[in-house]
Amino acid sequence: MDTKTKLISAAEQLFDRHGFTATGMDKLTKAAGMSSRTLYKHAGSKTALITEVLQERHRRFQPLIEVDSVDALFNALEEWIRTESARGCLFLRAYGETGGDTPAITDAVLAYKARLYDKIKDIVAIETAEKETPELAEQILILYEGATAAAIYRGPEAIASAHKAALALLKQARS
């Protein structure tokens, strides 16, 4: 594993576990097993590192949601939570901790969330055989995001409940 990959991996684990604000550069250097000079050489700044961590998270998560059904979408989320963690959406946590005041982080978060919403709109269009279903897509997005948050304290059962609700909404839209 190269130095930058090692750094991003260590940073993702620490940010996910302890948050962005609570994770200082000293913790990052220790976890990555490198000097602060090496860390700054490869990361540039904490903001740049956070942005890279979000890009890496997106790179790993995106293939899971390249599906064509609401059922598969929620199954993918449940699998992610079981294998990765149930600490909530790392993107929303980054946005919340920075207050939306750090343009690079805000841009990464909003771009990711826009892609997620677009994916859900595409899935809903396939499932309902309609081109425009923004209200249903919005409802399923909210169930998806809510399940991600509720899984923190409810576990995968939260995803199963949201999954059922999404399928019920979809069934209603088809009839």
N, C-alpha and C. Protein backbone atom coordinates (compact mmCIF):
# COMPACT_ATOMS: atom_id res chain seq x y z
N MET A 1 0.85 -1.18 0.00
CA MET A 1 0.00 0.00 0.00
C MET A 1 0.90 1.24 0.00
N ASP A 2 0.63 2.16 -0.92
CA ASP A 2 1.45 3.36 -0.98
C ASP A 2 1.10 4.31 0.17
N THR A 3 1.94 5.30 0.38
CA THR A 3 1.80 6.22 1.51
C THR A 3 0.47 6.96 1.51
N LYS A 4 0.09 7.47 0.36
CA LYS A 4 -1.16 8.23 0.30
C LYS A 4 -2.37 7.34 0.59
N THR A 5 -2.39 6.16 0.03
CA THR A 5 -3.49 5.22 0.28
C THR A 5 -3.55 4.86 1.75
N LYS A 6 -2.40 4.63 2.36
CA LYS A 6 -2.33 4.32 3.78
C LYS A 6 -2.88 5.47 4.62
N LEU A 7 -2.53 6.68 4.25
CA LEU A 7 -2.99 7.87 4.96
C LEU A 7 -4.51 8.02 4.84
N ILE A 8 -5.03 7.89 3.64
CA ILE A 8 -6.48 8.04 3.43
C ILE A 8 -7.24 6.96 4.18
N SER A 9 -6.73 5.75 4.15
CA SER A 9 -7.39 4.65 4.87
C SER A 9 -7.41 4.90 6.38
N ALA A 10 -6.29 5.31 6.93
CA ALA A 10 -6.22 5.60 8.37
C ALA A 10 -7.12 6.77 8.72
N ALA A 11 -7.11 7.79 7.87
CA ALA A 11 -7.94 8.97 8.14
C ALA A 11 -9.43 8.62 8.08
N GLU A 12 -9.81 7.82 7.11
CA GLU A 12 -11.22 7.43 7.01
C GLU A 12 -11.68 6.69 8.26
N GLN A 13 -10.86 5.78 8.72
CA GLN A 13 -11.21 5.03 9.93
C GLN A 13 -11.35 5.95 11.14
N LEU A 14 -10.40 6.86 11.31
CA LEU A 14 -10.46 7.78 12.45
C LEU A 14 -11.62 8.76 12.33
N PHE A 15 -11.82 9.34 11.16
CA PHE A 15 -12.92 10.29 10.98
C PHE A 15 -14.26 9.60 11.20
N ASP A 16 -14.38 8.38 10.70
CA ASP A 16 -15.63 7.64 10.85
C ASP A 16 -15.89 7.30 12.32
N ARG A 17 -14.85 6.94 13.01
CA ARG A 17 -14.99 6.51 14.41
C ARG A 17 -15.11 7.69 15.39
N HIS A 18 -14.31 8.73 15.18
CA HIS A 18 -14.21 9.81 16.18
C HIS A 18 -14.73 11.16 15.69
N GLY A 19 -14.99 11.28 14.40
CA GLY A 19 -15.43 12.57 13.86
C GLY A 19 -14.27 13.34 13.27
N PHE A 20 -14.60 14.38 12.56
CA PHE A 20 -13.60 15.17 11.86
C PHE A 20 -12.92 16.17 12.79
N THR A 21 -13.70 16.80 13.63
CA THR A 21 -13.15 17.81 14.54
C THR A 21 -12.28 17.17 15.61
N ALA A 22 -12.74 16.06 16.17
CA ALA A 22 -12.01 15.41 17.25
C ALA A 22 -10.74 14.70 16.79
N THR A 23 -10.61 14.50 15.50
CA THR A 23 -9.43 13.82 14.97
C THR A 23 -8.41 14.87 14.54
N GLY A 24 -7.40 15.03 15.37
CA GLY A 24 -6.34 15.98 15.07
C GLY A 24 -5.26 15.36 14.20
N MET A 25 -4.41 16.20 13.71
CA MET A 25 -3.32 15.73 12.86
C MET A 25 -2.37 14.80 13.61
N ASP A 26 -2.23 15.00 14.92
CA ASP A 26 -1.37 14.11 15.71
C ASP A 26 -1.92 12.69 15.72
N LYS A 27 -3.23 12.54 15.86
CA LYS A 27 -3.85 11.20 15.81
C LYS A 27 -3.68 10.59 14.42
N LEU A 28 -3.80 11.42 13.41
CA LEU A 28 -3.66 10.93 12.04
C LEU A 28 -2.24 10.43 11.76
N THR A 29 -1.24 11.19 12.21
CA THR A 29 0.14 10.76 11.97
C THR A 29 0.43 9.44 12.68
N LYS A 30 -0.07 9.33 13.90
CA LYS A 30 0.15 8.10 14.66
C LYS A 30 -0.55 6.91 14.00
N ALA A 31 -1.81 7.08 13.63
CA ALA A 31 -2.57 5.99 13.01
C ALA A 31 -1.99 5.58 11.66
N ALA A 32 -1.50 6.54 10.90
CA ALA A 32 -0.94 6.25 9.58
C ALA A 32 0.51 5.80 9.67
N GLY A 33 1.12 5.95 10.85
CA GLY A 33 2.51 5.54 11.03
C GLY A 33 3.48 6.39 10.22
N MET A 34 3.26 7.71 10.26
CA MET A 34 4.13 8.59 9.48
C MET A 34 4.37 9.89 10.25
N SER A 35 5.34 10.61 9.83
CA SER A 35 5.65 11.90 10.45
C SER A 35 4.63 12.95 9.99
N SER A 36 4.54 14.04 10.73
CA SER A 36 3.63 15.11 10.33
C SER A 36 4.09 15.72 9.01
N ARG A 37 5.37 15.75 8.78
CA ARG A 37 5.90 16.28 7.52
C ARG A 37 5.41 15.44 6.34
N THR A 38 5.47 14.12 6.48
CA THR A 38 5.00 13.22 5.43
C THR A 38 3.50 13.36 5.24
N LEU A 39 2.79 13.47 6.35
CA LEU A 39 1.33 13.63 6.28
C LEU A 39 0.98 14.88 5.48
N TYR A 40 1.58 16.01 5.83
CA TYR A 40 1.26 17.25 5.12
C TYR A 40 1.71 17.21 3.66
N LYS A 41 2.81 16.51 3.40
CA LYS A 41 3.28 16.37 2.02
C LYS A 41 2.23 15.67 1.17
N HIS A 42 1.60 14.65 1.73
CA HIS A 42 0.63 13.86 0.97
C HIS A 42 -0.80 14.37 1.08
N ALA A 43 -1.13 15.03 2.17
CA ALA A 43 -2.50 15.51 2.37
C ALA A 43 -2.67 16.97 2.01
N GLY A 44 -1.66 17.76 2.25
CA GLY A 44 -1.75 19.20 2.02
C GLY A 44 -2.34 19.92 3.20
N SER A 45 -3.56 19.58 3.54
CA SER A 45 -4.25 20.19 4.68
C SER A 45 -5.30 19.21 5.19
N LYS A 46 -5.84 19.50 6.33
CA LYS A 46 -6.88 18.64 6.87
C LYS A 46 -8.12 18.70 5.98
N THR A 47 -8.45 19.87 5.48
CA THR A 47 -9.59 20.00 4.58
C THR A 47 -9.40 19.15 3.32
N ALA A 48 -8.21 19.21 2.75
CA ALA A 48 -7.92 18.40 1.56
C ALA A 48 -8.01 16.92 1.88
N LEU A 49 -7.54 16.53 3.06
CA LEU A 49 -7.60 15.13 3.47
C LEU A 49 -9.04 14.69 3.65
N ILE A 50 -9.85 15.51 4.28
CA ILE A 50 -11.28 15.17 4.46
C ILE A 50 -11.93 14.99 3.10
N THR A 51 -11.64 15.88 2.18
CA THR A 51 -12.21 15.78 0.83
C THR A 51 -11.79 14.48 0.16
N GLU A 52 -10.52 14.12 0.30
CA GLU A 52 -10.04 12.87 -0.30
C GLU A 52 -10.68 11.65 0.35
N VAL A 53 -10.88 11.71 1.65
CA VAL A 53 -11.55 10.61 2.36
C VAL A 53 -12.98 10.46 1.84
N LEU A 54 -13.67 11.57 1.65
CA LEU A 54 -15.04 11.50 1.12
C LEU A 54 -15.05 10.94 -0.30
N GLN A 55 -14.08 11.32 -1.11
CA GLN A 55 -14.00 10.78 -2.46
C GLN A 55 -13.74 9.27 -2.43
N GLU A 56 -12.90 8.83 -1.51
CA GLU A 56 -12.62 7.39 -1.38
C GLU A 56 -13.87 6.65 -0.91
N ARG A 57 -14.58 7.22 0.04
CA ARG A 57 -15.82 6.59 0.52
C ARG A 57 -16.81 6.47 -0.63
N HIS A 58 -16.93 7.52 -1.41
CA HIS A 58 -17.83 7.49 -2.56
C HIS A 58 -17.40 6.43 -3.56
N ARG A 59 -16.11 6.34 -3.82
CA ARG A 59 -15.58 5.35 -4.76
C ARG A 59 -15.94 3.94 -4.34
N ARG A 60 -15.91 3.67 -3.03
CA ARG A 60 -16.24 2.33 -2.53
C ARG A 60 -17.74 2.08 -2.47
N PHE A 61 -18.51 3.11 -2.17
CA PHE A 61 -19.95 2.94 -1.99
C PHE A 61 -20.71 2.92 -3.32
N GLN A 62 -20.31 3.76 -4.26
CA GLN A 62 -21.05 3.92 -5.52
C GLN A 62 -21.35 2.61 -6.24
N PRO A 63 -20.40 1.70 -6.38
CA PRO A 63 -20.72 0.45 -7.09
C PRO A 63 -21.87 -0.34 -6.45
N LEU A 64 -22.03 -0.21 -5.14
CA LEU A 64 -23.10 -0.94 -4.46
C LEU A 64 -24.48 -0.45 -4.86
N ILE A 65 -24.59 0.81 -5.21
CA ILE A 65 -25.91 1.34 -5.56
C ILE A 65 -26.14 1.42 -7.06
N GLU A 66 -25.27 0.82 -7.82
CA GLU A 66 -25.50 0.73 -9.26
C GLU A 66 -26.47 -0.42 -9.52
N VAL A 67 -27.69 -0.21 -9.09
CA VAL A 67 -28.75 -1.21 -9.18
C VAL A 67 -29.93 -0.60 -9.92
N ASP A 68 -30.91 -1.44 -10.22
CA ASP A 68 -32.06 -0.92 -10.97
C ASP A 68 -33.40 -1.17 -10.27
N SER A 69 -33.34 -1.37 -8.94
CA SER A 69 -34.60 -1.53 -8.20
C SER A 69 -34.45 -0.94 -6.80
N VAL A 70 -35.57 -0.50 -6.26
CA VAL A 70 -35.60 0.00 -4.89
C VAL A 70 -35.23 -1.12 -3.93
N ASP A 71 -35.70 -2.30 -4.21
CA ASP A 71 -35.37 -3.47 -3.38
C ASP A 71 -33.86 -3.65 -3.29
N ALA A 72 -33.19 -3.65 -4.42
CA ALA A 72 -31.73 -3.83 -4.45
C ALA A 72 -31.01 -2.66 -3.79
N LEU A 73 -31.55 -1.46 -3.92
CA LEU A 73 -30.95 -0.28 -3.31
C LEU A 73 -30.89 -0.42 -1.78
N PHE A 74 -32.00 -0.81 -1.18
CA PHE A 74 -32.03 -0.97 0.27
C PHE A 74 -31.24 -2.21 0.72
N ASN A 75 -31.22 -3.25 -0.10
CA ASN A 75 -30.38 -4.41 0.22
C ASN A 75 -28.91 -4.01 0.25
N ALA A 76 -28.51 -3.16 -0.68
CA ALA A 76 -27.12 -2.68 -0.73
C ALA A 76 -26.79 -1.85 0.50
N LEU A 77 -27.72 -1.01 0.93
CA LEU A 77 -27.48 -0.20 2.13
C LEU A 77 -27.36 -1.10 3.35
N GLU A 78 -28.20 -2.09 3.45
CA GLU A 78 -28.12 -3.02 4.59
C GLU A 78 -26.79 -3.76 4.60
N GLU A 79 -26.33 -4.18 3.45
CA GLU A 79 -25.03 -4.86 3.36
C GLU A 79 -23.90 -3.92 3.76
N TRP A 80 -23.95 -2.67 3.30
CA TRP A 80 -22.94 -1.68 3.65
C TRP A 80 -22.88 -1.49 5.16
N ILE A 81 -24.02 -1.33 5.79
CA ILE A 81 -24.09 -1.12 7.23
C ILE A 81 -23.52 -2.33 7.98
N ARG A 82 -23.84 -3.51 7.51
CA ARG A 82 -23.34 -4.73 8.17
C ARG A 82 -21.82 -4.87 8.04
N THR A 83 -21.26 -4.46 6.91
CA THR A 83 -19.82 -4.66 6.71
C THR A 83 -18.98 -3.44 7.09
N GLU A 84 -19.50 -2.25 6.91
CA GLU A 84 -18.70 -1.04 7.17
C GLU A 84 -18.93 -0.48 8.56
N SER A 85 -20.15 -0.12 8.86
CA SER A 85 -20.49 0.42 10.17
C SER A 85 -21.86 1.05 10.12
N ALA A 86 -22.37 1.33 11.28
CA ALA A 86 -23.65 2.03 11.40
C ALA A 86 -23.41 3.28 12.24
N ARG A 87 -22.62 4.20 11.69
CA ARG A 87 -22.35 5.44 12.41
C ARG A 87 -22.93 6.64 11.66
N GLY A 88 -23.80 6.39 10.73
CA GLY A 88 -24.42 7.46 9.97
C GLY A 88 -23.62 7.78 8.72
N CYS A 89 -24.16 8.66 7.94
CA CYS A 89 -23.54 9.04 6.67
C CYS A 89 -22.32 9.92 6.93
N LEU A 90 -21.18 9.46 6.49
CA LEU A 90 -19.93 10.20 6.68
C LEU A 90 -19.98 11.56 5.97
N PHE A 91 -20.69 11.63 4.86
CA PHE A 91 -20.81 12.89 4.13
C PHE A 91 -21.60 13.91 4.94
N LEU A 92 -22.73 13.49 5.48
CA LEU A 92 -23.53 14.42 6.27
C LEU A 92 -22.83 14.80 7.57
N ARG A 93 -22.07 13.88 8.12
CA ARG A 93 -21.30 14.19 9.33
C ARG A 93 -20.23 15.24 9.01
N ALA A 94 -19.57 15.10 7.88
CA ALA A 94 -18.55 16.09 7.48
C ALA A 94 -19.20 17.46 7.28
N TYR A 95 -20.33 17.47 6.62
CA TYR A 95 -21.05 18.72 6.39
C TYR A 95 -21.48 19.34 7.71
N GLY A 96 -22.01 18.53 8.59
CA GLY A 96 -22.47 19.03 9.89
C GLY A 96 -21.33 19.57 10.75
N GLU A 97 -20.22 18.87 10.77
CA GLU A 97 -19.09 19.31 11.60
C GLU A 97 -18.41 20.56 11.06
N THR A 98 -18.49 20.78 9.77
CA THR A 98 -17.86 21.97 9.20
C THR A 98 -18.88 23.10 9.00
N GLY A 99 -20.13 22.82 9.30
CA GLY A 99 -21.16 23.84 9.23
C GLY A 99 -21.46 24.33 7.82
N GLY A 100 -21.00 23.58 6.83
CA GLY A 100 -21.20 24.01 5.46
C GLY A 100 -20.34 25.21 5.07
N ASP A 101 -19.36 25.54 5.93
CA ASP A 101 -18.53 26.73 5.70
C ASP A 101 -17.21 26.44 4.99
N THR A 102 -16.96 25.19 4.65
CA THR A 102 -15.72 24.82 3.98
C THR A 102 -16.07 24.40 2.56
N PRO A 103 -15.87 25.28 1.58
CA PRO A 103 -16.34 25.02 0.22
C PRO A 103 -15.94 23.67 -0.37
N ALA A 104 -14.71 23.24 -0.18
CA ALA A 104 -14.27 21.97 -0.78
C ALA A 104 -15.08 20.80 -0.21
N ILE A 105 -15.32 20.82 1.09
CA ILE A 105 -16.08 19.74 1.73
C ILE A 105 -17.55 19.84 1.34
N THR A 106 -18.09 21.05 1.37
CA THR A 106 -19.49 21.25 0.99
C THR A 106 -19.73 20.79 -0.45
N ASP A 107 -18.82 21.14 -1.34
CA ASP A 107 -18.95 20.73 -2.75
C ASP A 107 -18.94 19.22 -2.88
N ALA A 108 -18.04 18.55 -2.15
CA ALA A 108 -17.96 17.08 -2.21
C ALA A 108 -19.25 16.45 -1.70
N VAL A 109 -19.76 16.98 -0.60
CA VAL A 109 -20.99 16.44 -0.01
C VAL A 109 -22.17 16.65 -0.96
N LEU A 110 -22.34 17.87 -1.43
CA LEU A 110 -23.49 18.17 -2.28
C LEU A 110 -23.43 17.40 -3.61
N ALA A 111 -22.24 17.22 -4.16
CA ALA A 111 -22.10 16.45 -5.39
C ALA A 111 -22.48 14.99 -5.16
N TYR A 112 -22.02 14.42 -4.05
CA TYR A 112 -22.35 13.04 -3.74
C TYR A 112 -23.86 12.88 -3.54
N LYS A 113 -24.45 13.78 -2.78
CA LYS A 113 -25.88 13.68 -2.50
C LYS A 113 -26.71 13.90 -3.76
N ALA A 114 -26.27 14.76 -4.65
CA ALA A 114 -26.97 14.97 -5.91
C ALA A 114 -26.92 13.69 -6.76
N ARG A 115 -25.77 13.02 -6.78
CA ARG A 115 -25.66 11.76 -7.53
C ARG A 115 -26.56 10.69 -6.92
N LEU A 116 -26.64 10.65 -5.60
CA LEU A 116 -27.52 9.67 -4.94
C LEU A 116 -28.97 9.94 -5.31
N TYR A 117 -29.39 11.20 -5.25
CA TYR A 117 -30.77 11.54 -5.60
C TYR A 117 -31.04 11.22 -7.07
N ASP A 118 -30.11 11.53 -7.95
CA ASP A 118 -30.29 11.21 -9.37
C ASP A 118 -30.43 9.71 -9.57
N LYS A 119 -29.64 8.94 -8.85
CA LYS A 119 -29.72 7.48 -8.96
C LYS A 119 -31.09 7.00 -8.51
N ILE A 120 -31.58 7.54 -7.41
CA ILE A 120 -32.90 7.14 -6.92
C ILE A 120 -33.98 7.55 -7.92
N LYS A 121 -33.87 8.74 -8.50
CA LYS A 121 -34.85 9.16 -9.53
C LYS A 121 -34.83 8.18 -10.70
N ASP A 122 -33.65 7.76 -11.12
CA ASP A 122 -33.55 6.80 -12.23
C ASP A 122 -34.20 5.47 -11.88
N ILE A 123 -33.94 4.99 -10.67
CA ILE A 123 -34.51 3.71 -10.23
C ILE A 123 -36.04 3.82 -10.18
N VAL A 124 -36.54 4.90 -9.61
CA VAL A 124 -37.99 5.08 -9.50
C VAL A 124 -38.62 5.15 -10.89
N ALA A 125 -37.97 5.82 -11.81
CA ALA A 125 -38.50 5.90 -13.18
C ALA A 125 -38.58 4.51 -13.81
N ILE A 126 -37.57 3.69 -13.59
CA ILE A 126 -37.58 2.31 -14.10
C ILE A 126 -38.72 1.53 -13.45
N GLU A 127 -38.83 1.64 -12.15
CA GLU A 127 -39.80 0.85 -11.39
C GLU A 127 -41.25 1.26 -11.67
N THR A 128 -41.48 2.53 -11.99
CA THR A 128 -42.85 2.99 -12.21
C THR A 128 -43.16 3.18 -13.69
N ALA A 129 -42.17 2.99 -14.55
CA ALA A 129 -42.32 3.18 -15.99
C ALA A 129 -42.75 4.61 -16.32
N GLU A 130 -42.31 5.57 -15.48
CA GLU A 130 -42.59 6.98 -15.72
C GLU A 130 -41.27 7.73 -15.76
N LYS A 131 -41.25 8.83 -16.48
CA LYS A 131 -40.03 9.62 -16.55
C LYS A 131 -39.88 10.57 -15.36
N GLU A 132 -40.97 11.19 -14.93
CA GLU A 132 -40.90 12.19 -13.86
C GLU A 132 -41.69 11.73 -12.65
N THR A 133 -40.98 11.42 -11.60
CA THR A 133 -41.61 11.05 -10.33
C THR A 133 -40.81 11.66 -9.18
N PRO A 134 -40.60 12.98 -9.21
CA PRO A 134 -39.73 13.60 -8.22
C PRO A 134 -40.23 13.46 -6.78
N GLU A 135 -41.55 13.48 -6.58
CA GLU A 135 -42.07 13.37 -5.21
C GLU A 135 -41.78 11.98 -4.64
N LEU A 136 -42.02 10.95 -5.42
CA LEU A 136 -41.74 9.59 -4.96
C LEU A 136 -40.23 9.40 -4.76
N ALA A 137 -39.43 9.90 -5.65
CA ALA A 137 -37.98 9.80 -5.49
C ALA A 137 -37.53 10.51 -4.22
N GLU A 138 -38.09 11.67 -3.94
CA GLU A 138 -37.77 12.41 -2.72
C GLU A 138 -38.16 11.61 -1.47
N GLN A 139 -39.33 10.98 -1.50
CA GLN A 139 -39.78 10.18 -0.36
C GLN A 139 -38.85 8.99 -0.12
N ILE A 140 -38.44 8.35 -1.19
CA ILE A 140 -37.53 7.20 -1.05
C ILE A 140 -36.16 7.67 -0.59
N LEU A 141 -35.69 8.80 -1.09
CA LEU A 141 -34.43 9.36 -0.62
C LEU A 141 -34.48 9.62 0.89
N ILE A 142 -35.57 10.20 1.35
CA ILE A 142 -35.70 10.50 2.78
C ILE A 142 -35.74 9.21 3.60
N LEU A 143 -36.43 8.20 3.11
CA LEU A 143 -36.42 6.91 3.80
C LEU A 143 -35.01 6.32 3.85
N TYR A 144 -34.30 6.43 2.75
CA TYR A 144 -32.93 5.90 2.64
C TYR A 144 -31.99 6.62 3.60
N GLU A 145 -32.04 7.96 3.56
CA GLU A 145 -31.19 8.75 4.45
C GLU A 145 -31.58 8.55 5.91
N GLY A 146 -32.88 8.50 6.17
CA GLY A 146 -33.36 8.29 7.53
C GLY A 146 -32.95 6.94 8.07
N ALA A 147 -33.01 5.93 7.22
CA ALA A 147 -32.59 4.58 7.64
C ALA A 147 -31.10 4.56 7.97
N THR A 148 -30.32 5.28 7.19
CA THR A 148 -28.88 5.36 7.45
C THR A 148 -28.62 5.97 8.82
N ALA A 149 -29.36 7.02 9.15
CA ALA A 149 -29.19 7.67 10.45
C ALA A 149 -29.74 6.81 11.58
N ALA A 150 -30.90 6.25 11.39
CA ALA A 150 -31.52 5.45 12.46
C ALA A 150 -30.76 4.15 12.72
N ALA A 151 -30.03 3.66 11.74
CA ALA A 151 -29.25 2.43 11.93
C ALA A 151 -28.18 2.60 13.00
N ILE A 152 -27.82 3.84 13.31
CA ILE A 152 -26.83 4.10 14.35
C ILE A 152 -27.29 3.48 15.67
N TYR A 153 -28.54 3.68 16.00
CA TYR A 153 -29.04 3.20 17.30
C TYR A 153 -30.05 2.06 17.18
N ARG A 154 -30.58 1.82 15.97
CA ARG A 154 -31.55 0.75 15.80
C ARG A 154 -30.96 -0.47 15.08
N GLY A 155 -29.81 -0.28 14.46
CA GLY A 155 -29.19 -1.37 13.73
C GLY A 155 -29.85 -1.57 12.37
N PRO A 156 -29.54 -2.68 11.72
CA PRO A 156 -30.07 -2.96 10.38
C PRO A 156 -31.60 -3.03 10.32
N GLU A 157 -32.25 -3.19 11.47
CA GLU A 157 -33.71 -3.23 11.48
C GLU A 157 -34.30 -1.92 10.95
N ALA A 158 -33.61 -0.82 11.19
CA ALA A 158 -34.08 0.47 10.68
C ALA A 158 -34.11 0.46 9.16
N ILE A 159 -33.12 -0.16 8.57
CA ILE A 159 -33.07 -0.24 7.11
C ILE A 159 -34.18 -1.15 6.60
N ALA A 160 -34.42 -2.25 7.29
CA ALA A 160 -35.49 -3.16 6.90
C ALA A 160 -36.85 -2.46 6.95
N SER A 161 -37.07 -1.65 7.97
CA SER A 161 -38.34 -0.92 8.08
C SER A 161 -38.48 0.11 6.96
N ALA A 162 -37.43 0.86 6.70
CA ALA A 162 -37.48 1.85 5.62
C ALA A 162 -37.65 1.16 4.27
N HIS A 163 -37.03 0.01 4.12
CA HIS A 163 -37.12 -0.79 2.90
C HIS A 163 -38.59 -1.15 2.64
N LYS A 164 -39.26 -1.64 3.67
CA LYS A 164 -40.68 -2.01 3.53
C LYS A 164 -41.52 -0.79 3.18
N ALA A 165 -41.26 0.33 3.83
CA ALA A 165 -42.01 1.55 3.56
C ALA A 165 -41.79 2.01 2.11
N ALA A 166 -40.56 1.93 1.64
CA ALA A 166 -40.25 2.33 0.26
C ALA A 166 -40.97 1.44 -0.74
N LEU A 167 -40.98 0.15 -0.48
CA LEU A 167 -41.68 -0.78 -1.37
C LEU A 167 -43.18 -0.51 -1.36
N ALA A 168 -43.73 -0.16 -0.20
CA ALA A 168 -45.16 0.18 -0.12
C ALA A 168 -45.47 1.44 -0.93
N LEU A 169 -44.62 2.44 -0.84
CA LEU A 169 -44.80 3.66 -1.63
C LEU A 169 -44.73 3.34 -3.12
N LEU A 170 -43.81 2.51 -3.49
CA LEU A 170 -43.64 2.13 -4.88
C LEU A 170 -44.87 1.39 -5.38
N LYS A 171 -45.37 0.46 -4.58
CA LYS A 171 -46.56 -0.31 -4.94
C LYS A 171 -47.76 0.63 -5.13
N GLN A 172 -47.90 1.59 -4.23
CA GLN A 172 -48.97 2.57 -4.32
C GLN A 172 -48.85 3.40 -5.59
N ALA A 173 -47.63 3.78 -5.94
CA ALA A 173 -47.42 4.58 -7.15
C ALA A 173 -47.75 3.82 -8.41
N ARG A 174 -47.57 2.52 -8.39
CA ARG A 174 -47.85 1.69 -9.57
C ARG A 174 -49.34 1.47 -9.77
N SER A 175 -50.11 1.56 -8.70
CA SER A 175 -51.55 1.26 -8.83
C SER A 175 -52.40 2.46 -9.14
